[in-house]
Amino acid sequence: MKISYFPGCTLKTMAKNFEDSAIASLSFLGIEMVELPRWNCCGTVYSLTSDDLIHQVAPIRNLIRVKEARDTRVVALCSMCYHTLKRANKLVKEDKEKLDKLNNLMYREDVKYNGEVEVLHLLEILKNEVGFNQVSKKVKMPLKGLKVAPYYGCLLLRPAEVGLDDPESPTILKDFLESVGAEAIDYPYETECCGSYHTVVNVNLVVERAHDILSFAISQKAEAIVLSCPLCGFNLDHRQKEIKEKFPDFKSIPVFYFTQLLALSLGLDEKVCRFELNFIDPRPLLKSKNLIGGV
């Protein structure tokens, strides 16, 4: 099975650990993610201004690339890319006038877009097409004894009409963790905002939010966090340096992309997980659980 794949910008830079582990894992499960040719940044943030059509050009152009690739579906890994593409798609499917205006803004050689493409997140592929029960059957190294707190953040779940799970009581990450043999830790901060782009202009706010999210997970005996957003990953992982400076008693906790745990459980070469790119090195924890060899 093949499916068009939109990587987005960060997966080619700071989140190569996300991309590499995803591509290797899906290949093992029999799915080839085919990177879109000529993709461009999705725009990162979906514009909430009703007459701001220019910010919809970027995501719709990517959906045109899917159509040009003769596919009707595209999968994203990054929560923000998924959110932006899906909301832009929903907008033009429901408003022909805006769709026509956007088509007129495209390159002359671009095909016309008519809303034919379905936007999916990789978690949806794993749940609905592979099946978590089938993932479990493929697991070669169950992550037994690893206590992981799922973190959804905002954009996988909200608004409800584009979210991939219940915005109040999501279970898809919990179900995923159980499919690879890990223990999912329940805690009330799993859908709280990490601070998002405030990390650029108000680091202190992000540090406080990240501290609350991580500390509560730790208080519930979580040994790691799992997520699917590179910006959330930056705020919850890389910002632990600033958290430690402001809250000296804070104890660091590793933060994983869900695909890293998937690759590990499938018994793939540890190199595809790219653990060296995680800010808080998860390898000592994994070694203590006998899930990897020496660090």
C-alpha atoms as a PDB file:
ATOM      1  CA  MET A   1       0.000   0.000   0.000  1.00  0.00           C
ATOM      2  CA  LYS A   2       1.198   3.493  -0.855  1.00  0.00           C
ATOM      3  CA  ILE A   3       0.000   6.840   0.447  1.00  0.00           C
ATOM      4  CA  SER A   4       1.089  10.395  -0.287  1.00  0.00           C
ATOM      5  CA  TYR A   5       3.026  11.930   2.561  1.00  0.00           C
ATOM      6  CA  PHE A   6       3.344  15.596   3.508  1.00  0.00           C
ATOM      7  CA  PRO A   7       6.384  16.033   5.791  1.00  0.00           C
ATOM      8  CA  GLY A   8       6.297  19.736   6.566  1.00  0.00           C
ATOM      9  CA  CYS A   9       9.355  21.797   7.408  1.00  0.00           C
ATOM     10  CA  THR A  10      10.369  20.734  10.904  1.00  0.00           C
ATOM     11  CA  LEU A  11      10.515  17.032  10.066  1.00  0.00           C
ATOM     12  CA  LYS A  12      13.343  17.861   7.689  1.00  0.00           C
ATOM     13  CA  THR A  13      15.314  19.687  10.393  1.00  0.00           C
ATOM     14  CA  MET A  14      14.828  19.394  14.162  1.00  0.00           C
ATOM     15  CA  ALA A  15      12.364  16.492  14.003  1.00  0.00           C
ATOM     16  CA  LYS A  16      14.250  14.026  11.802  1.00  0.00           C
ATOM     17  CA  ASN A  17      13.801  11.552  14.662  1.00  0.00           C
ATOM     18  CA  PHE A  18      10.057  11.808  14.014  1.00  0.00           C
ATOM     19  CA  GLU A  19      10.283  11.344  10.251  1.00  0.00           C
ATOM     20  CA  ASP A  20      12.920   8.610  10.144  1.00  0.00           C
ATOM     21  CA  SER A  21      11.185   6.460  12.747  1.00  0.00           C
ATOM     22  CA  ALA A  22       7.805   6.918  11.016  1.00  0.00           C
ATOM     23  CA  ILE A  23       8.979   5.977   7.534  1.00  0.00           C
ATOM     24  CA  ALA A  24      10.843   2.911   8.800  1.00  0.00           C
ATOM     25  CA  SER A  25       7.921   1.753  10.954  1.00  0.00           C
ATOM     26  CA  LEU A  26       5.295   2.144   8.262  1.00  0.00           C
ATOM     27  CA  SER A  27       7.495   0.358   5.752  1.00  0.00           C
ATOM     28  CA  PHE A  28       7.758  -2.549   8.184  1.00  0.00           C
ATOM     29  CA  LEU A  29       3.966  -2.557   8.462  1.00  0.00           C
ATOM     30  CA  GLY A  30       3.593  -2.692   4.682  1.00  0.00           C
ATOM     31  CA  ILE A  31       2.842   0.970   3.944  1.00  0.00           C
ATOM     32  CA  GLU A  32       5.047   3.129   1.749  1.00  0.00           C
ATOM     33  CA  MET A  33       4.768   6.815   2.516  1.00  0.00           C
ATOM     34  CA  VAL A  34       5.542   8.606  -0.749  1.00  0.00           C
ATOM     35  CA  GLU A  35       6.759  12.143  -0.133  1.00  0.00           C
ATOM     36  CA  LEU A  36       4.938  14.729  -2.203  1.00  0.00           C
ATOM     37  CA  PRO A  37       7.043  16.352  -4.909  1.00  0.00           C
ATOM     38  CA  ARG A  38       7.263  20.149  -4.777  1.00  0.00           C
ATOM     39  CA  TRP A  39       5.572  20.430  -1.403  1.00  0.00           C
ATOM     40  CA  ASN A  40       5.757  23.760   0.394  1.00  0.00           C
ATOM     41  CA  CYS A  41       5.264  24.894   3.983  1.00  0.00           C
ATOM     42  CA  CYS A  42       1.626  24.421   4.956  1.00  0.00           C
ATOM     43  CA  GLY A  43       1.562  27.875   6.516  1.00  0.00           C
ATOM     44  CA  THR A  44       1.944  26.372  10.001  1.00  0.00           C
ATOM     45  CA  VAL A  45      -1.009  28.175  11.575  1.00  0.00           C
ATOM     46  CA  TYR A  46      -4.525  28.098  10.183  1.00  0.00           C
ATOM     47  CA  SER A  47      -5.807  31.641   9.774  1.00  0.00           C
ATOM     48  CA  LEU A  48      -8.956  32.375  11.782  1.00  0.00           C
ATOM     49  CA  THR A  49      -9.775  35.547   9.822  1.00  0.00           C
ATOM     50  CA  SER A  50     -12.714  34.767   7.542  1.00  0.00           C
ATOM     51  CA  ASP A  51     -11.551  36.970   4.653  1.00  0.00           C
ATOM     52  CA  ASP A  52      -7.848  36.038   4.854  1.00  0.00           C
ATOM     53  CA  LEU A  53      -7.714  33.794   1.817  1.00  0.00           C
ATOM     54  CA  ILE A  54      -4.050  34.405   1.063  1.00  0.00           C
ATOM     55  CA  HIS A  55      -3.073  32.218   4.035  1.00  0.00           C
ATOM     56  CA  GLN A  56      -5.031  29.341   2.516  1.00  0.00           C
ATOM     57  CA  VAL A  57      -2.938  29.305  -0.654  1.00  0.00           C
ATOM     58  CA  ALA A  58      -0.098  27.305   0.923  1.00  0.00           C
ATOM     59  CA  PRO A  59      -2.161  24.396   2.302  1.00  0.00           C
ATOM     60  CA  ILE A  60      -4.389  24.153  -0.790  1.00  0.00           C
ATOM     61  CA  ARG A  61      -1.355  24.153  -3.075  1.00  0.00           C
ATOM     62  CA  ASN A  62      -0.115  21.077  -1.195  1.00  0.00           C
ATOM     63  CA  LEU A  63      -3.459  19.372  -1.751  1.00  0.00           C
ATOM     64  CA  ILE A  64      -3.102  20.154  -5.453  1.00  0.00           C
ATOM     65  CA  ARG A  65       0.251  18.350  -5.320  1.00  0.00           C
ATOM     66  CA  VAL A  66      -1.576  15.290  -3.970  1.00  0.00           C
ATOM     67  CA  LYS A  67      -4.015  15.464  -6.867  1.00  0.00           C
ATOM     68  CA  GLU A  68      -1.130  15.852  -9.322  1.00  0.00           C
ATOM     69  CA  ALA A  69       0.405  12.710  -7.808  1.00  0.00           C
ATOM     70  CA  ARG A  70      -2.858  10.914  -8.731  1.00  0.00           C
ATOM     71  CA  ASP A  71      -3.706  10.234  -5.127  1.00  0.00           C
ATOM     72  CA  THR A  72      -6.831  11.072  -3.160  1.00  0.00           C
ATOM     73  CA  ARG A  73      -5.334  10.944   0.325  1.00  0.00           C
ATOM     74  CA  VAL A  74      -2.415  12.521   2.125  1.00  0.00           C
ATOM     75  CA  VAL A  75      -0.963  11.689   5.525  1.00  0.00           C
ATOM     76  CA  ALA A  76       0.763  14.115   7.878  1.00  0.00           C
ATOM     77  CA  LEU A  77       2.807  13.384  11.005  1.00  0.00           C
ATOM     78  CA  CYS A  78       3.003  16.835  12.565  1.00  0.00           C
ATOM     79  CA  SER A  79      -0.149  17.830  14.452  1.00  0.00           C
ATOM     80  CA  MET A  80       0.094  21.412  13.231  1.00  0.00           C
ATOM     81  CA  CYS A  81       0.488  20.428   9.560  1.00  0.00           C
ATOM     82  CA  TYR A  82      -2.409  17.996   9.890  1.00  0.00           C
ATOM     83  CA  HIS A  83      -4.568  20.678  11.476  1.00  0.00           C
ATOM     84  CA  THR A  84      -3.733  23.365   8.916  1.00  0.00           C
ATOM     85  CA  LEU A  85      -4.220  21.127   5.888  1.00  0.00           C
ATOM     86  CA  LYS A  86      -7.441  19.639   7.203  1.00  0.00           C
ATOM     87  CA  ARG A  87      -9.056  22.943   8.151  1.00  0.00           C
ATOM     88  CA  ALA A  88      -8.115  24.573   4.850  1.00  0.00           C
ATOM     89  CA  ASN A  89      -9.554  21.560   3.037  1.00  0.00           C
ATOM     90  CA  LYS A  90     -12.765  21.776   5.031  1.00  0.00           C
ATOM     91  CA  LEU A  91     -13.064  25.481   4.238  1.00  0.00           C
ATOM     92  CA  VAL A  92     -12.880  25.078   0.459  1.00  0.00           C
ATOM     93  CA  LYS A  93     -15.124  22.026   0.418  1.00  0.00           C
ATOM     94  CA  GLU A  94     -17.834  24.089   2.088  1.00  0.00           C
ATOM     95  CA  ASP A  95     -17.330  27.392   0.239  1.00  0.00           C
ATOM     96  CA  LYS A  96     -17.157  27.188  -3.556  1.00  0.00           C
ATOM     97  CA  GLU A  97     -16.606  30.922  -3.941  1.00  0.00           C
ATOM     98  CA  LYS A  98     -13.454  30.776  -1.830  1.00  0.00           C
ATOM     99  CA  LEU A  99     -12.332  27.636  -3.637  1.00  0.00           C
ATOM    100  CA  ASP A 100     -12.690  29.374  -6.996  1.00  0.00           C
ATOM    101  CA  LYS A 101     -10.716  32.394  -5.763  1.00  0.00           C
ATOM    102  CA  LEU A 102      -7.937  30.170  -4.457  1.00  0.00           C
ATOM    103  CA  ASN A 103      -7.750  28.223  -7.707  1.00  0.00           C
ATOM    104  CA  ASN A 104      -7.334  31.534  -9.521  1.00  0.00           C
ATOM    105  CA  LEU A 105      -4.396  32.401  -7.262  1.00  0.00           C
ATOM    106  CA  MET A 106      -2.472  29.238  -8.115  1.00  0.00           C
ATOM    107  CA  TYR A 107       0.251  28.806 -10.725  1.00  0.00           C
ATOM    108  CA  ARG A 108      -1.075  28.718 -14.259  1.00  0.00           C
ATOM    109  CA  GLU A 109       0.177  25.156 -14.767  1.00  0.00           C
ATOM    110  CA  ASP A 110      -1.463  23.848 -11.562  1.00  0.00           C
ATOM    111  CA  VAL A 111      -4.503  21.631 -11.916  1.00  0.00           C
ATOM    112  CA  LYS A 112      -7.728  22.908 -10.421  1.00  0.00           C
ATOM    113  CA  TYR A 113      -8.569  21.681  -6.949  1.00  0.00           C
ATOM    114  CA  ASN A 114     -12.127  20.622  -6.199  1.00  0.00           C
ATOM    115  CA  GLY A 115     -11.823  19.227  -2.683  1.00  0.00           C
ATOM    116  CA  GLU A 116     -11.005  15.658  -3.760  1.00  0.00           C
ATOM    117  CA  VAL A 117      -8.267  14.986  -1.212  1.00  0.00           C
ATOM    118  CA  GLU A 118      -8.711  13.471   2.257  1.00  0.00           C
ATOM    119  CA  VAL A 119      -6.273  14.668   4.938  1.00  0.00           C
ATOM    120  CA  LEU A 120      -5.232  12.042   7.482  1.00  0.00           C
ATOM    121  CA  HIS A 121      -2.922  11.849  10.458  1.00  0.00           C
ATOM    122  CA  LEU A 122      -0.615   8.867  10.805  1.00  0.00           C
ATOM    123  CA  LEU A 123      -2.344   7.828  14.014  1.00  0.00           C
ATOM    124  CA  GLU A 124      -5.561   7.436  12.006  1.00  0.00           C
ATOM    125  CA  ILE A 125      -3.780   5.142   9.556  1.00  0.00           C
ATOM    126  CA  LEU A 126      -2.452   3.032  12.415  1.00  0.00           C
ATOM    127  CA  LYS A 127      -5.829   2.846  14.120  1.00  0.00           C
ATOM    128  CA  ASN A 128      -8.226   2.466  11.213  1.00  0.00           C
ATOM    129  CA  GLU A 129      -6.245   0.849   8.408  1.00  0.00           C
ATOM    130  CA  VAL A 130      -3.462  -1.143  10.010  1.00  0.00           C
ATOM    131  CA  GLY A 131      -5.428  -1.663  13.218  1.00  0.00           C
ATOM    132  CA  PHE A 132      -3.895  -1.459  16.675  1.00  0.00           C
ATOM    133  CA  ASN A 133      -4.614  -5.159  17.110  1.00  0.00           C
ATOM    134  CA  GLN A 134      -2.491  -5.867  14.033  1.00  0.00           C
ATOM    135  CA  VAL A 135       0.236  -3.555  15.325  1.00  0.00           C
ATOM    136  CA  SER A 136       0.283  -5.650  18.505  1.00  0.00           C
ATOM    137  CA  LYS A 137       0.796  -8.802  16.446  1.00  0.00           C
ATOM    138  CA  LYS A 138       3.819  -7.218  14.731  1.00  0.00           C
ATOM    139  CA  VAL A 139       5.461  -6.107  17.976  1.00  0.00           C
ATOM    140  CA  LYS A 140       8.710  -7.950  18.573  1.00  0.00           C
ATOM    141  CA  MET A 141       9.787  -6.121  21.713  1.00  0.00           C
ATOM    142  CA  PRO A 142       6.821  -5.098  23.874  1.00  0.00           C
ATOM    143  CA  LEU A 143       7.565  -1.973  25.881  1.00  0.00           C
ATOM    144  CA  LYS A 144       6.663  -3.711  29.126  1.00  0.00           C
ATOM    145  CA  GLY A 145       7.234  -1.743  32.274  1.00  0.00           C
ATOM    146  CA  LEU A 146       7.493   1.596  30.435  1.00  0.00           C
ATOM    147  CA  LYS A 147       5.023   4.092  31.919  1.00  0.00           C
ATOM    148  CA  VAL A 148       4.182   6.772  29.371  1.00  0.00           C
ATOM    149  CA  ALA A 149       1.881   9.795  29.592  1.00  0.00           C
ATOM    150  CA  PRO A 150       0.091  10.626  26.313  1.00  0.00           C
ATOM    151  CA  TYR A 151       0.162  14.296  25.377  1.00  0.00           C
ATOM    152  CA  TYR A 152      -2.244  15.510  22.686  1.00  0.00           C
ATOM    153  CA  GLY A 153      -1.940  19.252  23.003  1.00  0.00           C
ATOM    154  CA  CYS A 154      -4.438  21.327  21.031  1.00  0.00           C
ATOM    155  CA  LEU A 155      -4.394  20.630  17.328  1.00  0.00           C
ATOM    156  CA  LEU A 156      -4.999  16.893  17.112  1.00  0.00           C
ATOM    157  CA  LEU A 157      -8.339  17.342  18.833  1.00  0.00           C
ATOM    158  CA  ARG A 158      -9.695  20.851  18.316  1.00  0.00           C
ATOM    159  CA  PRO A 159     -11.963  22.045  16.870  1.00  0.00           C
ATOM    160  CA  ALA A 160     -14.019  18.891  17.088  1.00  0.00           C
ATOM    161  CA  GLU A 161     -15.012  18.916  13.403  1.00  0.00           C
ATOM    162  CA  VAL A 162     -11.398  18.317  12.334  1.00  0.00           C
ATOM    163  CA  GLY A 163     -10.084  16.522  15.422  1.00  0.00           C
ATOM    164  CA  LEU A 164      -9.187  12.855  15.224  1.00  0.00           C
ATOM    165  CA  ASP A 165     -10.611  11.936  18.626  1.00  0.00           C
ATOM    166  CA  ASP A 166     -12.899  13.131  21.395  1.00  0.00           C
ATOM    167  CA  PRO A 167     -11.553  16.579  22.401  1.00  0.00           C
ATOM    168  CA  GLU A 168     -12.454  16.006  26.046  1.00  0.00           C
ATOM    169  CA  SER A 169     -11.614  12.320  26.503  1.00  0.00           C
ATOM    170  CA  PRO A 170      -9.255  11.173  23.761  1.00  0.00           C
ATOM    171  CA  THR A 171      -7.983   7.605  23.780  1.00  0.00           C
ATOM    172  CA  ILE A 172      -6.089   7.136  20.517  1.00  0.00           C
ATOM    173  CA  LEU A 173      -2.627   7.627  22.045  1.00  0.00           C
ATOM    174  CA  LYS A 174      -3.550   5.456  25.018  1.00  0.00           C
ATOM    175  CA  ASP A 175      -4.718   2.728  22.636  1.00  0.00           C
ATOM    176  CA  PHE A 176      -1.532   3.105  20.626  1.00  0.00           C
ATOM    177  CA  LEU A 177       0.658   2.787  23.720  1.00  0.00           C
ATOM    178  CA  GLU A 178      -1.167  -0.327  24.826  1.00  0.00           C
ATOM    179  CA  SER A 179      -0.737  -1.832  21.352  1.00  0.00           C
ATOM    180  CA  VAL A 180       3.060  -1.582  21.692  1.00  0.00           C
ATOM    181  CA  GLY A 181       3.022  -2.943  25.233  1.00  0.00           C
ATOM    182  CA  ALA A 182       3.598   0.264  27.210  1.00  0.00           C
ATOM    183  CA  GLU A 183       1.527   1.398  30.183  1.00  0.00           C
ATOM    184  CA  ALA A 184      -0.476   4.570  29.455  1.00  0.00           C
ATOM    185  CA  ILE A 185      -0.637   6.999  32.372  1.00  0.00           C
ATOM    186  CA  ASP A 186      -3.868   8.953  32.774  1.00  0.00           C
ATOM    187  CA  TYR A 187      -3.489  12.583  33.815  1.00  0.00           C
ATOM    188  CA  PRO A 188      -5.633  15.716  33.291  1.00  0.00           C
ATOM    189  CA  TYR A 189      -3.041  17.827  31.454  1.00  0.00           C
ATOM    190  CA  GLU A 190      -2.929  15.676  28.327  1.00  0.00           C
ATOM    191  CA  THR A 191      -5.017  18.146  26.288  1.00  0.00           C
ATOM    192  CA  GLU A 192      -3.636  21.372  27.782  1.00  0.00           C
ATOM    193  CA  CYS A 193      -1.850  23.814  25.485  1.00  0.00           C
ATOM    194  CA  CYS A 194       1.943  23.784  25.840  1.00  0.00           C
ATOM    195  CA  GLY A 195       2.149  27.505  25.070  1.00  0.00           C
ATOM    196  CA  SER A 196       2.724  27.005  21.358  1.00  0.00           C
ATOM    197  CA  TYR A 197       4.417  29.970  19.637  1.00  0.00           C
ATOM    198  CA  HIS A 198       4.610  31.939  22.857  1.00  0.00           C
ATOM    199  CA  THR A 199       7.935  30.119  23.050  1.00  0.00           C
ATOM    200  CA  VAL A 200       9.260  32.825  20.679  1.00  0.00           C
ATOM    201  CA  VAL A 201       8.132  35.898  22.616  1.00  0.00           C
ATOM    202  CA  ASN A 202       7.252  34.731  26.121  1.00  0.00           C
ATOM    203  CA  VAL A 203       9.532  31.903  27.179  1.00  0.00           C
ATOM    204  CA  ASN A 204       8.558  32.313  30.825  1.00  0.00           C
ATOM    205  CA  LEU A 205       4.916  31.515  30.073  1.00  0.00           C
ATOM    206  CA  VAL A 206       5.906  28.387  28.149  1.00  0.00           C
ATOM    207  CA  VAL A 207       8.278  27.296  30.905  1.00  0.00           C
ATOM    208  CA  GLU A 208       5.509  27.549  33.483  1.00  0.00           C
ATOM    209  CA  ARG A 209       2.999  25.674  31.332  1.00  0.00           C
ATOM    210  CA  ALA A 210       5.490  22.973  30.429  1.00  0.00           C
ATOM    211  CA  HIS A 211       6.476  22.642  34.078  1.00  0.00           C
ATOM    212  CA  ASP A 212       2.847  22.083  35.086  1.00  0.00           C
ATOM    213  CA  ILE A 213       2.209  19.529  32.333  1.00  0.00           C
ATOM    214  CA  LEU A 214       5.379  17.539  32.949  1.00  0.00           C
ATOM    215  CA  SER A 215       5.290  17.748  36.748  1.00  0.00           C
ATOM    216  CA  PHE A 216       1.751  16.431  36.943  1.00  0.00           C
ATOM    217  CA  ALA A 217       2.610  13.557  34.624  1.00  0.00           C
ATOM    218  CA  ILE A 218       5.602  12.748  36.831  1.00  0.00           C
ATOM    219  CA  SER A 219       3.400  12.904  39.934  1.00  0.00           C
ATOM    220  CA  GLN A 220       1.257  10.178  38.347  1.00  0.00           C
ATOM    221  CA  LYS A 221       4.369   7.983  37.987  1.00  0.00           C
ATOM    222  CA  ALA A 222       4.937   8.663  34.283  1.00  0.00           C
ATOM    223  CA  GLU A 223       8.487   7.922  33.160  1.00  0.00           C
ATOM    224  CA  ALA A 224       8.139   9.547  29.739  1.00  0.00           C
ATOM    225  CA  ILE A 225       5.825  11.655  27.575  1.00  0.00           C
ATOM    226  CA  VAL A 226       4.663  10.746  24.065  1.00  0.00           C
ATOM    227  CA  LEU A 227       3.385  13.234  21.486  1.00  0.00           C
ATOM    228  CA  SER A 228       3.103  14.020  17.774  1.00  0.00           C
ATOM    229  CA  CYS A 229       3.831  17.736  17.444  1.00  0.00           C
ATOM    230  CA  PRO A 230       7.363  19.118  16.943  1.00  0.00           C
ATOM    231  CA  LEU A 231       6.430  22.431  18.552  1.00  0.00           C
ATOM    232  CA  CYS A 232       4.980  20.662  21.582  1.00  0.00           C
ATOM    233  CA  GLY A 233       8.114  18.539  21.511  1.00  0.00           C
ATOM    234  CA  PHE A 234      10.302  21.628  21.621  1.00  0.00           C
ATOM    235  CA  ASN A 235       8.352  23.187  24.478  1.00  0.00           C
ATOM    236  CA  LEU A 236       8.157  20.020  26.570  1.00  0.00           C
ATOM    237  CA  ASP A 237      11.569  18.579  25.743  1.00  0.00           C
ATOM    238  CA  HIS A 238      14.040  21.344  24.858  1.00  0.00           C
ATOM    239  CA  ARG A 239      12.557  23.815  27.325  1.00  0.00           C
ATOM    240  CA  GLN A 240      13.371  21.475  30.218  1.00  0.00           C
ATOM    241  CA  LYS A 241      16.674  23.326  30.494  1.00  0.00           C
ATOM    242  CA  GLU A 242      14.819  26.554  31.334  1.00  0.00           C
ATOM    243  CA  ILE A 243      12.352  24.657  33.534  1.00  0.00           C
ATOM    244  CA  LYS A 244      15.246  23.336  35.599  1.00  0.00           C
ATOM    245  CA  GLU A 245      16.693  26.826  35.945  1.00  0.00           C
ATOM    246  CA  LYS A 246      13.394  28.255  37.217  1.00  0.00           C
ATOM    247  CA  PHE A 247      12.323  25.202  39.224  1.00  0.00           C
ATOM    248  CA  PRO A 248      15.532  23.622  40.603  1.00  0.00           C
ATOM    249  CA  ASP A 249      13.651  20.666  42.115  1.00  0.00           C
ATOM    250  CA  PHE A 250      12.261  19.642  38.726  1.00  0.00           C
ATOM    251  CA  LYS A 251      13.420  16.225  37.548  1.00  0.00           C
ATOM    252  CA  SER A 252      13.816  15.788  33.801  1.00  0.00           C
ATOM    253  CA  ILE A 253      11.609  13.362  31.890  1.00  0.00           C
ATOM    254  CA  PRO A 254      12.185  12.026  28.348  1.00  0.00           C
ATOM    255  CA  VAL A 255       9.797  13.066  25.578  1.00  0.00           C
ATOM    256  CA  PHE A 256       9.185  10.691  22.652  1.00  0.00           C
ATOM    257  CA  TYR A 257       7.480  10.954  19.308  1.00  0.00           C
ATOM    258  CA  PHE A 258       4.991   8.104  19.088  1.00  0.00           C
ATOM    259  CA  THR A 259       6.796   6.768  16.025  1.00  0.00           C
ATOM    260  CA  GLN A 260      10.011   6.319  18.006  1.00  0.00           C
ATOM    261  CA  LEU A 261       8.200   4.015  20.407  1.00  0.00           C
ATOM    262  CA  LEU A 262       6.552   2.240  17.487  1.00  0.00           C
ATOM    263  CA  ALA A 263       9.895   1.596  15.762  1.00  0.00           C
ATOM    264  CA  LEU A 264      11.450   0.400  19.007  1.00  0.00           C
ATOM    265  CA  SER A 265       8.595  -2.021  19.694  1.00  0.00           C
ATOM    266  CA  LEU A 266       8.751  -3.415  16.156  1.00  0.00           C
ATOM    267  CA  GLY A 267      12.350  -4.384  16.757  1.00  0.00           C
ATOM    268  CA  LEU A 268      13.763  -2.011  14.141  1.00  0.00           C
ATOM    269  CA  ASP A 269      17.355  -0.838  14.231  1.00  0.00           C
ATOM    270  CA  GLU A 270      17.729   1.679  17.047  1.00  0.00           C
ATOM    271  CA  LYS A 271      19.389   4.041  14.568  1.00  0.00           C
ATOM    272  CA  VAL A 272      16.041   4.842  12.906  1.00  0.00           C
ATOM    273  CA  CYS A 273      14.747   6.201  16.228  1.00  0.00           C
ATOM    274  CA  ARG A 274      17.435   8.909  16.233  1.00  0.00           C
ATOM    275  CA  PHE A 275      17.366   9.159  20.034  1.00  0.00           C
ATOM    276  CA  GLU A 276      20.443  11.397  19.892  1.00  0.00           C
ATOM    277  CA  LEU A 277      18.140  14.183  18.638  1.00  0.00           C
ATOM    278  CA  ASN A 278      15.944  14.081  21.747  1.00  0.00           C
ATOM    279  CA  PHE A 279      17.001  16.867  24.105  1.00  0.00           C
ATOM    280  CA  ILE A 280      16.473  14.755  27.233  1.00  0.00           C
ATOM    281  CA  ASP A 281      18.307  11.572  26.330  1.00  0.00           C
ATOM    282  CA  PRO A 282      15.793   8.699  26.641  1.00  0.00           C
ATOM    283  CA  ARG A 283      18.383   5.955  26.312  1.00  0.00           C
ATOM    284  CA  PRO A 284      19.222   5.603  30.028  1.00  0.00           C
ATOM    285  CA  LEU A 285      15.511   5.017  30.734  1.00  0.00           C
ATOM    286  CA  LEU A 286      15.202   2.520  27.892  1.00  0.00           C
ATOM    287  CA  LYS A 287      18.340   0.737  28.980  1.00  0.00           C
ATOM    288  CA  SER A 288      16.981   0.452  32.541  1.00  0.00           C
ATOM    289  CA  LYS A 289      13.921  -1.301  31.082  1.00  0.00           C
ATOM    290  CA  ASN A 290      16.110  -3.626  28.993  1.00  0.00           C
ATOM    291  CA  LEU A 291      14.608  -2.151  25.828  1.00  0.00           C
ATOM    292  CA  ILE A 292      17.965  -1.183  24.321  1.00  0.00           C
ATOM    293  CA  GLY A 293      21.553  -2.119  24.878  1.00  0.00           C
ATOM    294  CA  GLY A 294      24.364   0.190  26.015  1.00  0.00           C
ATOM    295  CA  VAL A 295      24.089   3.960  25.661  1.00  0.00           C
END
